[in-house]
Amino acid sequence: MGLGDKISNAAQDAKGKIKEGTGDAIDNEQMEAEGKMDQVSADAKQAGENVKDGFRDATR
């Protein structure tokens, strides 16, 4: 996985955590749910990149 992908995934996860926390603080359930979705999306992308990295390492 490229460094850019790692940074992008980490940024999306951080954005999701901030959005979730803000939504919780201002009692906005939609914003809180969007934050959780951002985090899940970042985690899924990270898992996919880890699979690609594992496959690449196994074929070397």
N, C-alpha and C. Protein backbone atom coordinates (compact mmCIF):
# COMPACT_ATOMS: atom_id res chain seq x y z
N MET A 1 0.85 -1.16 0.00
CA MET A 1 0.00 0.00 0.00
C MET A 1 0.90 1.22 0.00
N GLY A 2 0.48 2.21 -0.76
CA GLY A 2 1.25 3.44 -0.83
C GLY A 2 1.03 4.31 0.39
N LEU A 3 2.00 5.13 0.62
CA LEU A 3 1.92 6.05 1.76
C LEU A 3 0.71 6.96 1.63
N GLY A 4 0.42 7.39 0.41
CA GLY A 4 -0.74 8.25 0.18
C GLY A 4 -2.04 7.60 0.59
N ASP A 5 -2.17 6.29 0.31
CA ASP A 5 -3.37 5.56 0.70
C ASP A 5 -3.49 5.47 2.21
N LYS A 6 -2.38 5.23 2.88
CA LYS A 6 -2.39 5.14 4.34
C LYS A 6 -2.81 6.48 4.95
N ILE A 7 -2.27 7.56 4.41
CA ILE A 7 -2.60 8.89 4.92
C ILE A 7 -4.07 9.20 4.67
N SER A 8 -4.55 8.87 3.47
CA SER A 8 -5.94 9.12 3.13
C SER A 8 -6.89 8.35 4.04
N ASN A 9 -6.59 7.09 4.29
CA ASN A 9 -7.43 6.27 5.16
C ASN A 9 -7.42 6.79 6.60
N ALA A 10 -6.25 7.19 7.06
CA ALA A 10 -6.14 7.72 8.42
C ALA A 10 -6.90 9.04 8.54
N ALA A 11 -6.81 9.87 7.50
CA ALA A 11 -7.53 11.15 7.52
C ALA A 11 -9.03 10.92 7.53
N GLN A 12 -9.50 9.96 6.73
CA GLN A 12 -10.94 9.67 6.69
C GLN A 12 -11.41 9.15 8.04
N ASP A 13 -10.61 8.31 8.66
CA ASP A 13 -10.96 7.78 9.98
C ASP A 13 -11.03 8.91 11.01
N ALA A 14 -10.03 9.79 10.98
CA ALA A 14 -10.01 10.91 11.93
C ALA A 14 -11.21 11.83 11.69
N LYS A 15 -11.51 12.09 10.43
CA LYS A 15 -12.66 12.94 10.11
C LYS A 15 -13.94 12.31 10.65
N GLY A 16 -14.05 11.00 10.51
CA GLY A 16 -15.23 10.30 11.01
C GLY A 16 -15.36 10.38 12.51
N LYS A 17 -14.24 10.25 13.21
CA LYS A 17 -14.26 10.34 14.67
C LYS A 17 -14.68 11.73 15.12
N ILE A 18 -14.16 12.75 14.44
CA ILE A 18 -14.52 14.13 14.78
C ILE A 18 -16.01 14.36 14.52
N LYS A 19 -16.46 13.89 13.36
CA LYS A 19 -17.87 14.09 12.99
C LYS A 19 -18.78 13.35 13.97
N GLU A 20 -18.40 12.13 14.35
CA GLU A 20 -19.20 11.37 15.31
C GLU A 20 -19.25 12.08 16.66
N GLY A 21 -18.11 12.56 17.13
CA GLY A 21 -18.06 13.25 18.41
C GLY A 21 -18.84 14.55 18.40
N THR A 22 -18.74 15.27 17.31
CA THR A 22 -19.50 16.52 17.19
C THR A 22 -20.99 16.24 17.16
N GLY A 23 -21.38 15.23 16.39
CA GLY A 23 -22.80 14.87 16.32
C GLY A 23 -23.34 14.47 17.68
N ASP A 24 -22.54 13.75 18.43
CA ASP A 24 -22.96 13.34 19.77
C ASP A 24 -23.07 14.56 20.69
N ALA A 25 -22.11 15.47 20.58
CA ALA A 25 -22.10 16.64 21.46
C ALA A 25 -23.28 17.58 21.19
N ILE A 26 -23.68 17.70 19.93
CA ILE A 26 -24.78 18.62 19.61
C ILE A 26 -26.09 17.88 19.42
N ASP A 27 -26.09 16.59 19.75
CA ASP A 27 -27.29 15.76 19.67
C ASP A 27 -27.85 15.70 18.25
N ASN A 28 -26.94 15.49 17.28
CA ASN A 28 -27.32 15.37 15.88
C ASN A 28 -27.05 13.93 15.46
N GLU A 29 -28.09 13.10 15.47
CA GLU A 29 -27.92 11.67 15.19
C GLU A 29 -27.43 11.41 13.77
N GLN A 30 -27.87 12.24 12.81
CA GLN A 30 -27.44 12.04 11.43
C GLN A 30 -25.93 12.27 11.29
N MET A 31 -25.42 13.33 11.89
CA MET A 31 -23.99 13.62 11.82
C MET A 31 -23.19 12.52 12.52
N GLU A 32 -23.70 12.06 13.64
CA GLU A 32 -23.04 10.99 14.38
C GLU A 32 -22.97 9.72 13.53
N ALA A 33 -24.07 9.38 12.85
CA ALA A 33 -24.11 8.19 11.99
C ALA A 33 -23.17 8.34 10.80
N GLU A 34 -23.11 9.54 10.23
CA GLU A 34 -22.19 9.79 9.11
C GLU A 34 -20.74 9.59 9.55
N GLY A 35 -20.43 10.04 10.76
CA GLY A 35 -19.08 9.86 11.29
C GLY A 35 -18.73 8.39 11.45
N LYS A 36 -19.69 7.62 11.94
CA LYS A 36 -19.45 6.18 12.09
C LYS A 36 -19.27 5.53 10.72
N MET A 37 -20.05 5.98 9.73
CA MET A 37 -19.93 5.43 8.38
C MET A 37 -18.56 5.77 7.78
N ASP A 38 -18.07 6.97 8.01
CA ASP A 38 -16.74 7.35 7.52
C ASP A 38 -15.67 6.44 8.11
N GLN A 39 -15.81 6.13 9.40
CA GLN A 39 -14.84 5.27 10.05
C GLN A 39 -14.89 3.85 9.50
N VAL A 40 -16.10 3.33 9.29
CA VAL A 40 -16.25 1.98 8.75
C VAL A 40 -15.67 1.92 7.34
N SER A 41 -15.92 2.95 6.55
CA SER A 41 -15.39 3.00 5.19
C SER A 41 -13.86 3.01 5.20
N ALA A 42 -13.28 3.80 6.08
CA ALA A 42 -11.82 3.86 6.19
C ALA A 42 -11.26 2.51 6.62
N ASP A 43 -11.92 1.86 7.56
CA ASP A 43 -11.47 0.54 8.02
C ASP A 43 -11.54 -0.49 6.90
N ALA A 44 -12.61 -0.44 6.10
CA ALA A 44 -12.76 -1.38 4.99
C ALA A 44 -11.67 -1.16 3.94
N LYS A 45 -11.39 0.10 3.63
CA LYS A 45 -10.32 0.40 2.67
C LYS A 45 -8.98 -0.09 3.20
N GLN A 46 -8.75 0.12 4.48
CA GLN A 46 -7.49 -0.32 5.09
C GLN A 46 -7.37 -1.84 5.02
N ALA A 47 -8.45 -2.55 5.29
CA ALA A 47 -8.43 -4.01 5.23
C ALA A 47 -8.13 -4.48 3.81
N GLY A 48 -8.73 -3.85 2.82
CA GLY A 48 -8.48 -4.21 1.43
C GLY A 48 -7.03 -3.97 1.05
N GLU A 49 -6.47 -2.87 1.50
CA GLU A 49 -5.06 -2.59 1.22
C GLU A 49 -4.16 -3.60 1.91
N ASN A 50 -4.52 -4.02 3.12
CA ASN A 50 -3.71 -5.03 3.82
C ASN A 50 -3.73 -6.36 3.09
N VAL A 51 -4.87 -6.72 2.51
CA VAL A 51 -4.96 -7.96 1.73
C VAL A 51 -4.06 -7.86 0.52
N LYS A 52 -4.10 -6.72 -0.17
CA LYS A 52 -3.24 -6.53 -1.34
C LYS A 52 -1.77 -6.62 -0.94
N ASP A 53 -1.41 -5.99 0.18
CA ASP A 53 -0.03 -6.04 0.64
C ASP A 53 0.39 -7.47 0.96
N GLY A 54 -0.49 -8.21 1.63
CA GLY A 54 -0.18 -9.60 1.96
C GLY A 54 0.00 -10.45 0.72
N PHE A 55 -0.84 -10.25 -0.26
CA PHE A 55 -0.73 -11.01 -1.52
C PHE A 55 0.58 -10.64 -2.22
N ARG A 56 0.90 -9.36 -2.26
CA ARG A 56 2.11 -8.91 -2.92
C ARG A 56 3.34 -9.51 -2.23
N ASP A 57 3.33 -9.52 -0.90
CA ASP A 57 4.46 -10.08 -0.15
C ASP A 57 4.57 -11.59 -0.35
N ALA A 58 3.43 -12.26 -0.48
CA ALA A 58 3.44 -13.71 -0.65
C ALA A 58 3.95 -14.12 -2.03
N THR A 59 3.81 -13.25 -3.00
CA THR A 59 4.24 -13.59 -4.36
C THR A 59 5.68 -13.21 -4.63
N ARG A 60 6.36 -12.65 -3.68
CA ARG A 60 7.76 -12.26 -3.86
C ARG A 60 8.69 -13.40 -3.62
